[in-house]
């Protein structure tokens, strides 16, 4: 799975976060999105950083067409 890139939506908590962590642990670089639940943002970053694999997090409202 190394050299792969995945887009994981809703990665700030719950299933999205678990999917992102699992992919990162397998060496897949991830672009993760989040929109709300900003109280969990630090937790998301600490969980993803702990995997040691590169990721980028983007705040975006995927419900909006211009998003």
C-alpha atoms as a PDB file:
ATOM      1  CA  UNK A   1       0.000   0.000   0.000  1.00  0.00           C
ATOM      2  CA  UNK A   2       3.013   2.309   0.182  1.00  0.00           C
ATOM      3  CA  UNK A   3       3.179   5.061  -2.452  1.00  0.00           C
ATOM      4  CA  UNK A   4      -0.629   5.251  -2.418  1.00  0.00           C
ATOM      5  CA  UNK A   5      -2.665   8.327  -1.504  1.00  0.00           C
ATOM      6  CA  UNK A   6      -6.180   8.204  -0.059  1.00  0.00           C
ATOM      7  CA  UNK A   7      -8.881  10.819   0.473  1.00  0.00           C
ATOM      8  CA  UNK A   8     -10.677  10.247   3.783  1.00  0.00           C
ATOM      9  CA  UNK A   9     -13.711  12.417   4.483  1.00  0.00           C
ATOM     10  CA  UNK A  10     -14.997  13.106   7.969  1.00  0.00           C
ATOM     11  CA  UNK A  11     -11.704  12.096   9.557  1.00  0.00           C
ATOM     12  CA  UNK A  12     -12.034  14.232  12.680  1.00  0.00           C
ATOM     13  CA  UNK A  13     -13.632  11.403  14.678  1.00  0.00           C
ATOM     14  CA  UNK A  14     -15.476   8.111  14.503  1.00  0.00           C
ATOM     15  CA  UNK A  15     -15.179   5.869  11.475  1.00  0.00           C
ATOM     16  CA  UNK A  16     -13.391   8.471   9.369  1.00  0.00           C
ATOM     17  CA  UNK A  17     -10.639   8.824  11.961  1.00  0.00           C
ATOM     18  CA  UNK A  18     -10.271   5.052  12.332  1.00  0.00           C
ATOM     19  CA  UNK A  19     -10.094   4.574   8.553  1.00  0.00           C
ATOM     20  CA  UNK A  20      -7.445   7.303   8.243  1.00  0.00           C
ATOM     21  CA  UNK A  21      -5.373   5.819  11.087  1.00  0.00           C
ATOM     22  CA  UNK A  22      -5.550   2.344   9.567  1.00  0.00           C
ATOM     23  CA  UNK A  23      -4.486   3.564   6.140  1.00  0.00           C
ATOM     24  CA  UNK A  24      -1.660   5.663   7.585  1.00  0.00           C
ATOM     25  CA  UNK A  25      -0.409   2.674   9.593  1.00  0.00           C
ATOM     26  CA  UNK A  26      -0.207   0.771   6.294  1.00  0.00           C
ATOM     27  CA  UNK A  27       1.946   3.525   4.789  1.00  0.00           C
ATOM     28  CA  UNK A  28      -0.784   5.176   2.721  1.00  0.00           C
ATOM     29  CA  UNK A  29      -0.450   8.960   2.692  1.00  0.00           C
ATOM     30  CA  UNK A  30      -3.814  10.610   3.320  1.00  0.00           C
ATOM     31  CA  UNK A  31      -5.669  13.799   2.599  1.00  0.00           C
ATOM     32  CA  UNK A  32      -8.235  14.003   5.382  1.00  0.00           C
ATOM     33  CA  UNK A  33     -11.167  16.381   5.571  1.00  0.00           C
ATOM     34  CA  UNK A  34     -13.085  17.730   8.512  1.00  0.00           C
ATOM     35  CA  UNK A  35     -15.706  20.424   8.920  1.00  0.00           C
ATOM     36  CA  UNK A  36     -17.174  20.622  12.391  1.00  0.00           C
ATOM     37  CA  UNK A  37     -16.467  19.146  15.835  1.00  0.00           C
ATOM     38  CA  UNK A  38     -13.449  21.437  16.073  1.00  0.00           C
ATOM     39  CA  UNK A  39     -13.072  20.534  19.757  1.00  0.00           C
ATOM     40  CA  UNK A  40     -11.725  17.197  18.472  1.00  0.00           C
ATOM     41  CA  UNK A  41      -9.189  18.727  16.064  1.00  0.00           C
ATOM     42  CA  UNK A  42      -6.159  18.398  18.375  1.00  0.00           C
ATOM     43  CA  UNK A  43      -7.110  14.805  19.140  1.00  0.00           C
ATOM     44  CA  UNK A  44      -7.370  14.000  15.425  1.00  0.00           C
ATOM     45  CA  UNK A  45      -3.939  15.470  14.731  1.00  0.00           C
ATOM     46  CA  UNK A  46      -2.312  13.637  17.636  1.00  0.00           C
ATOM     47  CA  UNK A  47      -3.838  10.322  16.549  1.00  0.00           C
ATOM     48  CA  UNK A  48      -2.771  10.758  12.930  1.00  0.00           C
ATOM     49  CA  UNK A  49       0.712  12.063  13.759  1.00  0.00           C
ATOM     50  CA  UNK A  50       1.289   9.016  15.974  1.00  0.00           C
ATOM     51  CA  UNK A  51       1.209   6.778  12.887  1.00  0.00           C
ATOM     52  CA  UNK A  52       4.389   8.363  11.516  1.00  0.00           C
ATOM     53  CA  UNK A  53       2.996   8.635   7.980  1.00  0.00           C
ATOM     54  CA  UNK A  54       2.464  11.921   6.141  1.00  0.00           C
ATOM     55  CA  UNK A  55      -1.028  13.339   5.913  1.00  0.00           C
ATOM     56  CA  UNK A  56      -2.677  16.667   5.151  1.00  0.00           C
ATOM     57  CA  UNK A  57      -5.843  17.867   6.874  1.00  0.00           C
ATOM     58  CA  UNK A  58      -8.225  20.298   5.177  1.00  0.00           C
ATOM     59  CA  UNK A  59     -11.291  21.967   6.666  1.00  0.00           C
ATOM     60  CA  UNK A  60     -14.006  21.896   4.018  1.00  0.00           C
ATOM     61  CA  UNK A  61     -17.805  21.772   3.946  1.00  0.00           C
ATOM     62  CA  UNK A  62     -18.475  19.009   1.442  1.00  0.00           C
ATOM     63  CA  UNK A  63     -22.194  19.769   1.570  1.00  0.00           C
ATOM     64  CA  UNK A  64     -21.574  23.049  -0.278  1.00  0.00           C
ATOM     65  CA  UNK A  65     -21.106  22.828  -4.036  1.00  0.00           C
ATOM     66  CA  UNK A  66     -18.382  25.467  -4.007  1.00  0.00           C
ATOM     67  CA  UNK A  67     -16.556  23.487  -1.311  1.00  0.00           C
END
